Protein backbone atom coordinates (compact mmCIF):
# COMPACT_ATOMS: atom_id res chain seq x y z
CA MET A 1 17.84 4.10 27.95
CA ALA A 2 14.87 6.42 28.38
CA ALA A 3 16.87 9.10 26.59
CA ALA A 4 16.99 7.10 23.35
CA PRO A 5 13.66 8.26 21.87
CA SER A 6 14.81 11.90 22.15
CA LEU A 7 16.99 11.08 19.15
CA ALA A 8 13.91 10.28 17.11
CA ALA A 9 13.92 13.53 15.21
CA SER A 10 17.55 13.22 14.24
CA ILE A 11 18.27 9.53 13.61
CA VAL A 12 17.89 8.30 10.05
CA THR A 13 18.69 4.62 9.52
CA PHE A 14 19.50 2.71 6.36
CA VAL A 15 19.32 -1.08 6.68
CA PHE A 16 21.18 -3.56 4.46
CA GLY A 17 21.00 -7.31 4.82
CA ASP A 18 19.25 -10.61 4.27
CA SER A 19 16.14 -12.39 5.57
CA LEU A 20 17.07 -11.62 9.20
CA THR A 21 16.34 -7.93 8.53
CA GLU A 22 14.06 -8.00 5.47
CA VAL A 23 10.73 -6.17 5.84
CA GLY A 24 9.19 -7.02 2.47
CA ASN A 25 11.42 -6.17 -0.51
CA ASN A 26 11.15 -9.67 -1.97
CA ASN A 27 7.34 -9.35 -2.13
CA PHE A 28 7.99 -7.04 -5.09
CA LEU A 29 10.27 -9.53 -6.90
CA GLN A 30 7.82 -11.57 -8.90
CA LEU A 31 10.03 -14.60 -9.49
CA SER A 32 11.77 -14.72 -6.10
CA LEU A 33 11.60 -18.03 -4.26
CA ALA A 34 12.86 -16.33 -1.07
CA LYS A 35 9.53 -15.00 0.15
CA SER A 36 7.60 -15.01 3.41
CA ASN A 37 4.41 -13.20 2.40
CA TYR A 38 2.15 -16.09 3.40
CA PRO A 39 1.00 -17.70 6.66
CA PHE A 40 2.31 -18.50 9.21
CA TYR A 41 4.80 -15.67 8.90
CA GLY A 42 3.55 -12.48 10.56
CA ILE A 43 1.01 -14.34 12.71
CA ASP A 44 2.16 -12.35 15.79
CA TYR A 45 2.93 -9.11 13.93
CA VAL A 46 0.59 -6.11 14.29
CA GLY A 47 -2.54 -7.07 12.36
CA GLY A 48 -1.53 -10.76 12.32
CA LYS A 49 -0.81 -10.73 8.58
CA PRO A 50 2.37 -11.75 6.71
CA THR A 51 4.43 -8.74 5.61
CA GLY A 52 7.50 -10.37 4.08
CA ARG A 53 9.34 -10.60 7.41
CA PHE A 54 10.87 -14.06 7.89
CA THR A 55 9.53 -14.57 11.41
CA ASN A 56 6.23 -14.75 13.27
CA GLY A 57 6.51 -11.13 14.40
CA ARG A 58 9.18 -8.45 14.48
CA THR A 59 12.75 -8.51 13.23
CA ILE A 60 15.63 -7.36 15.44
CA GLY A 61 15.67 -4.17 13.30
CA ASP A 62 11.99 -3.47 14.05
CA ILE A 63 12.64 -3.76 17.79
CA ILE A 64 15.75 -1.54 17.69
CA SER A 65 13.82 1.09 15.69
CA SER A 66 11.05 1.17 18.29
CA LYS A 67 13.65 1.49 21.08
CA LEU A 68 15.01 4.52 19.21
CA GLY A 69 11.49 5.90 18.98
CA ILE A 70 11.47 5.84 15.17
CA PRO A 71 9.34 3.85 12.72
CA SER A 72 10.97 0.80 11.17
CA PRO A 73 12.25 1.96 7.74
CA PRO A 74 10.06 0.77 4.84
CA PRO A 75 11.24 -1.64 2.13
CA TYR A 76 13.02 0.18 -0.69
CA LEU A 77 10.92 -1.47 -3.41
CA SER A 78 7.69 -0.21 -1.80
CA LEU A 79 8.69 3.44 -2.32
CA ALA A 80 8.36 5.64 -5.38
CA PRO A 81 11.71 7.09 -6.56
CA ASN A 82 10.71 10.57 -5.37
CA ASP A 83 8.95 9.53 -2.14
CA ASP A 84 9.47 11.88 0.83
CA ALA A 85 9.83 8.78 3.03
CA LEU A 86 13.34 8.30 1.56
CA LEU A 87 14.49 11.15 3.82
CA GLN A 88 13.49 9.17 6.92
CA GLY A 89 15.49 6.01 6.16
CA VAL A 90 15.06 2.91 4.01
CA ASN A 91 15.39 -0.86 4.39
CA TYR A 92 17.17 -2.51 1.42
CA ALA A 93 17.45 -6.01 2.95
CA SER A 94 16.45 -9.00 0.87
CA GLY A 95 16.00 -12.66 1.79
CA GLY A 96 18.68 -14.79 0.13
CA ALA A 97 21.14 -11.90 -0.21
CA GLY A 98 24.84 -12.39 0.34
CA ILE A 99 28.15 -10.61 0.09
CA LEU A 100 28.85 -12.58 -3.10
CA ASN A 101 26.58 -12.15 -6.10
CA ASP A 102 26.51 -15.94 -6.63
CA THR A 103 25.01 -16.50 -3.20
CA GLY A 104 21.33 -17.48 -3.24
CA LEU A 105 21.30 -17.90 -7.04
CA TYR A 106 18.71 -20.66 -6.76
CA PHE A 107 16.19 -18.18 -5.27
CA ILE A 108 16.10 -16.76 -8.85
CA GLN A 109 15.47 -13.19 -7.66
CA ARG A 110 16.90 -11.40 -4.63
CA LEU A 111 18.77 -8.16 -4.04
CA THR A 112 22.41 -9.00 -3.36
CA PHE A 113 24.48 -6.67 -1.17
CA ASP A 114 25.85 -5.12 -4.39
CA ASP A 115 22.26 -4.54 -5.61
CA GLN A 116 21.37 -2.97 -2.27
CA ILE A 117 24.31 -0.56 -2.49
CA LYS A 118 23.23 0.39 -6.05
CA ASN A 119 19.73 1.07 -4.70
CA PHE A 120 21.16 3.23 -1.93
CA LYS A 121 23.03 5.22 -4.61
CA LYS A 122 19.67 5.82 -6.34
CA THR A 123 18.19 6.87 -2.99
CA LYS A 124 20.99 9.37 -2.48
CA GLU A 125 20.41 10.81 -5.96
CA SER A 126 16.69 11.19 -5.17
CA ILE A 127 17.52 12.90 -1.86
CA GLU A 128 19.92 15.27 -3.67
CA ALA A 129 17.16 16.15 -6.14
CA LYS A 130 14.86 16.94 -3.20
CA ILE A 131 17.05 18.89 -0.79
CA GLY A 132 20.22 19.73 -2.71
CA GLU A 133 23.67 18.15 -2.69
CA GLU A 134 25.00 19.74 0.49
CA ALA A 135 21.98 18.81 2.65
CA ALA A 136 21.92 15.31 1.10
CA ASN A 137 25.59 14.77 1.97
CA LYS A 138 24.94 15.94 5.53
CA LEU A 139 21.95 13.60 5.89
CA CYS A 140 23.95 10.62 4.57
CA ASN A 141 26.99 11.45 6.74
CA GLN A 142 24.85 11.64 9.89
CA ALA A 143 22.67 8.59 9.21
CA VAL A 144 23.27 5.22 10.85
CA TYR A 145 23.80 2.22 8.56
CA PHE A 146 22.92 -1.24 9.88
CA ILE A 147 24.54 -4.01 7.82
CA GLY A 148 23.95 -7.72 8.39
CA VAL A 149 25.16 -10.00 5.59
CA GLY A 150 27.21 -13.17 5.33
CA SER A 151 24.89 -15.87 6.69
CA ASN A 152 23.67 -16.83 3.21
CA ASP A 153 27.21 -16.92 1.86
CA TYR A 154 27.59 -19.94 4.15
CA VAL A 155 24.10 -21.46 4.43
CA ASN A 156 23.07 -20.94 0.80
CA ASN A 157 26.46 -21.13 -0.86
CA PHE A 158 29.59 -22.60 0.75
CA LEU A 159 27.71 -25.23 2.82
CA GLN A 160 25.59 -26.47 -0.09
CA PRO A 161 27.22 -29.59 -1.51
CA PHE A 162 25.72 -29.09 -4.98
CA LEU A 163 27.07 -25.55 -5.43
CA ALA A 164 30.42 -24.73 -6.98
CA ALA A 165 31.80 -22.64 -4.10
CA GLY A 166 31.90 -25.55 -1.65
CA GLN A 167 33.89 -27.64 -4.12
CA GLN A 168 35.88 -24.87 -5.75
CA TYR A 169 37.43 -23.26 -2.67
CA THR A 170 38.99 -24.27 0.62
CA HIS A 171 37.42 -22.36 3.50
CA ASP A 172 40.46 -20.08 3.74
CA GLU A 173 40.12 -19.17 0.06
CA PHE A 174 36.36 -18.64 0.38
CA LEU A 175 36.85 -16.46 3.46
CA GLY A 176 39.49 -14.40 1.62
CA LEU A 177 37.00 -13.83 -1.20
CA LEU A 178 34.24 -12.81 1.25
CA ILE A 179 36.47 -10.34 3.10
CA SER A 180 37.98 -8.69 0.03
CA THR A 181 34.50 -8.34 -1.53
CA LEU A 182 33.04 -6.95 1.70
CA GLY A 183 35.91 -4.47 1.98
CA ASP A 184 35.14 -3.11 -1.51
CA GLN A 185 31.44 -2.88 -0.62
CA LEU A 186 32.02 -0.95 2.61
CA ILE A 187 34.39 1.42 0.74
CA ARG A 188 31.66 1.98 -1.87
CA LEU A 189 29.15 2.86 0.88
CA HIS A 190 31.69 5.25 2.40
CA GLN A 191 32.14 6.92 -1.01
CA LEU A 192 28.35 7.41 -1.09
CA GLY A 193 28.48 9.20 2.26
CA ALA A 194 28.09 6.44 4.85
CA ARG A 195 30.16 7.17 7.97
CA LYS A 196 28.46 5.50 10.96
CA MET A 197 28.17 1.87 9.91
CA ILE A 198 27.33 -1.00 12.24
CA PHE A 199 28.20 -4.43 10.90
CA HIS A 200 26.23 -7.16 12.65
CA GLY A 201 28.47 -10.24 12.95
CA LEU A 202 27.26 -13.76 12.24
CA GLY A 203 25.65 -15.96 14.86
CA PRO A 204 26.51 -19.64 15.43
CA LEU A 205 25.12 -20.92 12.12
CA GLY A 206 26.14 -24.47 13.05
CA CYS A 207 23.36 -24.42 15.67
CA ILE A 208 20.43 -23.32 13.50
CA PRO A 209 17.88 -26.12 12.87
CA SER A 210 18.72 -26.36 9.14
CA GLN A 211 22.34 -27.26 10.02
CA ARG A 212 21.63 -29.42 13.09
CA VAL A 213 19.68 -31.91 10.98
CA LYS A 214 22.96 -32.76 9.23
CA SER A 215 24.36 -34.08 12.52
CA SER A 216 23.51 -37.68 13.43
CA ARG A 217 22.44 -36.64 16.94
CA GLY A 218 21.00 -33.22 16.11
CA GLN A 219 23.99 -31.43 17.64
CA CYS A 220 25.48 -28.06 16.63
CA LEU A 221 28.01 -28.42 13.80
CA THR A 222 31.31 -27.41 15.42
CA GLN A 223 33.16 -26.93 12.13
CA VAL A 224 30.54 -24.50 10.82
CA ASN A 225 30.69 -22.50 14.06
CA LEU A 226 34.49 -22.33 13.85
CA TRP A 227 34.26 -21.00 10.29
CA VAL A 228 31.74 -18.36 11.40
CA GLN A 229 34.06 -17.26 14.22
CA GLN A 230 36.91 -16.95 11.72
CA PHE A 231 34.67 -14.82 9.51
CA ASN A 232 33.72 -12.57 12.44
CA SER A 233 37.35 -12.16 13.46
CA LYS A 234 38.46 -11.27 9.90
CA VAL A 235 35.62 -8.73 9.57
CA GLN A 236 36.75 -7.07 12.80
CA LYS A 237 40.28 -6.74 11.40
CA LEU A 238 38.90 -5.38 8.12
CA ILE A 239 36.84 -2.79 10.01
CA ALA A 240 39.87 -1.67 12.05
CA THR A 241 41.81 -1.16 8.79
CA LEU A 242 38.96 0.75 7.12
CA ASN A 243 38.49 3.01 10.16
CA LYS A 244 42.18 3.86 9.99
CA HIS A 245 42.21 4.67 6.27
CA LEU A 246 38.78 6.07 5.38
CA PRO A 247 38.22 9.72 6.34
CA SER A 248 35.71 10.16 9.21
CA ALA A 249 34.74 6.47 9.10
CA GLU A 250 33.11 5.20 12.30
CA ILE A 251 32.46 1.55 11.48
CA SER A 252 31.72 -0.74 14.39
CA PHE A 253 31.29 -4.48 14.72
CA ALA A 254 28.29 -5.71 16.70
CA ASP A 255 29.23 -9.16 17.96
CA THR A 256 26.19 -11.20 18.99
CA TYR A 257 27.73 -14.65 18.43
CA GLN A 258 27.97 -15.42 22.15
CA ALA A 259 24.53 -13.97 22.93
CA VAL A 260 22.87 -16.20 20.32
CA PHE A 261 24.94 -19.20 21.39
CA ASP A 262 23.93 -18.70 25.06
CA LEU A 263 20.28 -18.42 24.06
CA ILE A 264 20.52 -21.71 22.12
CA GLU A 265 22.57 -23.56 24.76
CA ASN A 266 20.59 -22.33 27.81
CA PRO A 267 17.10 -21.50 26.52
CA THR A 268 15.43 -21.86 29.93
CA ALA A 269 17.64 -19.09 31.39
CA PHE A 270 15.85 -16.72 28.97
CA GLY A 271 12.34 -18.12 29.41
CA PHE A 272 12.36 -20.49 26.41
CA LYS A 273 11.80 -24.24 26.32
CA VAL A 274 13.06 -25.36 22.89
CA SER A 275 16.08 -24.23 20.89
CA ASN A 276 17.16 -27.26 18.85
CA THR A 277 14.15 -27.31 16.54
CA SER A 278 11.66 -24.73 15.28
CA CYS A 279 8.13 -23.78 16.36
CA CYS A 280 6.98 -24.29 12.79
CA ASN A 281 7.35 -27.94 11.84
CA VAL A 282 9.32 -27.47 8.63
CA ASP A 283 10.70 -29.83 6.03
CA THR A 284 14.41 -29.03 5.89
CA LYS A 285 14.71 -31.03 2.66
CA LEU A 286 12.28 -28.61 1.03
CA GLY A 287 14.08 -25.47 2.08
CA GLY A 288 13.08 -25.17 5.74
CA LEU A 289 10.59 -22.28 5.46
CA CYS A 290 7.26 -22.23 7.34
CA LEU A 291 4.79 -23.05 4.56
CA PRO A 292 1.01 -22.51 4.91
CA ASN A 293 0.45 -26.27 5.31
CA SER A 294 2.99 -26.56 8.16
CA LYS A 295 2.01 -27.43 11.71
CA VAL A 296 2.86 -24.64 14.16
CA CYS A 297 3.59 -25.09 17.88
CA ASN A 298 0.98 -23.90 20.40
CA ASN A 299 3.11 -21.48 22.38
CA HIS A 300 5.21 -19.37 20.01
CA THR A 301 7.15 -17.74 22.86
CA GLU A 302 8.62 -21.06 24.03
CA TYR A 303 10.73 -21.54 20.87
CA VAL A 304 13.96 -19.76 19.96
CA PHE A 305 13.47 -20.54 16.24
CA TRP A 306 10.41 -19.91 14.11
CA ASP A 307 11.61 -21.93 11.08
CA ALA A 308 14.83 -23.76 10.17
CA PHE A 309 16.79 -20.49 9.85
CA HIS A 310 15.12 -17.59 11.60
CA PRO A 311 14.60 -16.70 15.26
CA SER A 312 11.10 -16.17 16.65
CA ASP A 313 9.74 -12.77 17.66
CA ALA A 314 10.43 -13.63 21.33
CA ALA A 315 14.06 -14.56 20.56
CA ASN A 316 14.49 -11.40 18.47
CA GLU A 317 13.30 -9.40 21.50
CA VAL A 318 16.06 -10.92 23.69
CA LEU A 319 18.74 -10.46 21.01
CA ALA A 320 17.67 -6.89 20.17
CA GLU A 321 17.96 -5.95 23.87
CA LYS A 322 21.53 -7.25 23.93
CA LEU A 323 22.45 -5.65 20.61
CA PHE A 324 20.96 -2.31 21.62
CA ALA A 325 22.92 -2.32 24.89
CA LYS A 326 26.13 -3.05 22.92
CA ILE A 327 25.62 -0.34 20.32
CA PHE A 328 24.09 2.52 22.25
CA SER A 329 25.77 4.03 25.26
CA PRO A 330 23.83 4.55 28.52
CA ALA A 331 23.13 8.18 27.61
CA PRO A 332 22.15 8.16 23.95
CA SER A 333 21.05 11.81 23.99
CA ALA A 334 24.61 12.90 24.78
CA ALA A 335 26.45 10.35 22.67
CA PRO A 336 24.07 8.50 20.37
CA LEU A 337 26.53 5.90 19.21
CA ALA A 338 29.13 4.15 21.28
CA PHE A 339 31.61 3.40 18.53
CA PRO A 340 34.89 1.83 19.62
């Protein structure tokens, strides 16, 4: 793995996703209710201040960037349209975002996956204006695209009893809608020059604290986990089809379902003590975020979850290690990406 940082000069990453990968875009959305720019978020981040990351420290993306020897890409909304930083990679992720535009509607403002793709198109236009069309195409073709969406389509859409989707569709219908929409979105990214895309599959959402509280004994919700596994399996099939039909496409599926499940089921094997509830004592009826008046556990590294939805910095460290090992081959300098 020591060879990974030698890629630093050449790897440009573009990150798309939700609150698991957000680094502060929603801070710039005045009306957004999906924000984490207040204590106790960021308490273990460099400087100890909240940045808009939905955890006490680093996201999985931050950790993977540092393993690659590159800075974590800045939030898109923090950059001027002609900023030179655009050439080094950008993070478009937004808390509350989903594959479907209806997902997370009650957060009032968030950048949906469609919005994020539109913003990437603007980025590409800015890059073209800076370095010319040919060089811009080359940069976009060689960049690595990390995509992690879908959790909110369940947690903040299908699984919410008061929203239309849960009542309007059977799960099979909802899944069909997710997959066909996602297919169109990945094709759109490919048309904009994306070739090396890594889609991060969903974890066992039935085991996150916000879902466990719905079980009488605080257990994982088996049905939700089955739905997530169906989603992951359909996305893998979609990716295989796209790789076959889109010229030069190298889309891969990063499956961390089992890794997250193992961490939750056997926390002590990874040095944790608690995985069924969060370090921050949150009110799941009020959204489950770690508000400034919340009580926080003493030892942050003992808990897998920071709030009702998001892993702690320590858990992200474990998961990033596993994800990195899956994505990057043992000799990154020779073959930076181990695509199937």
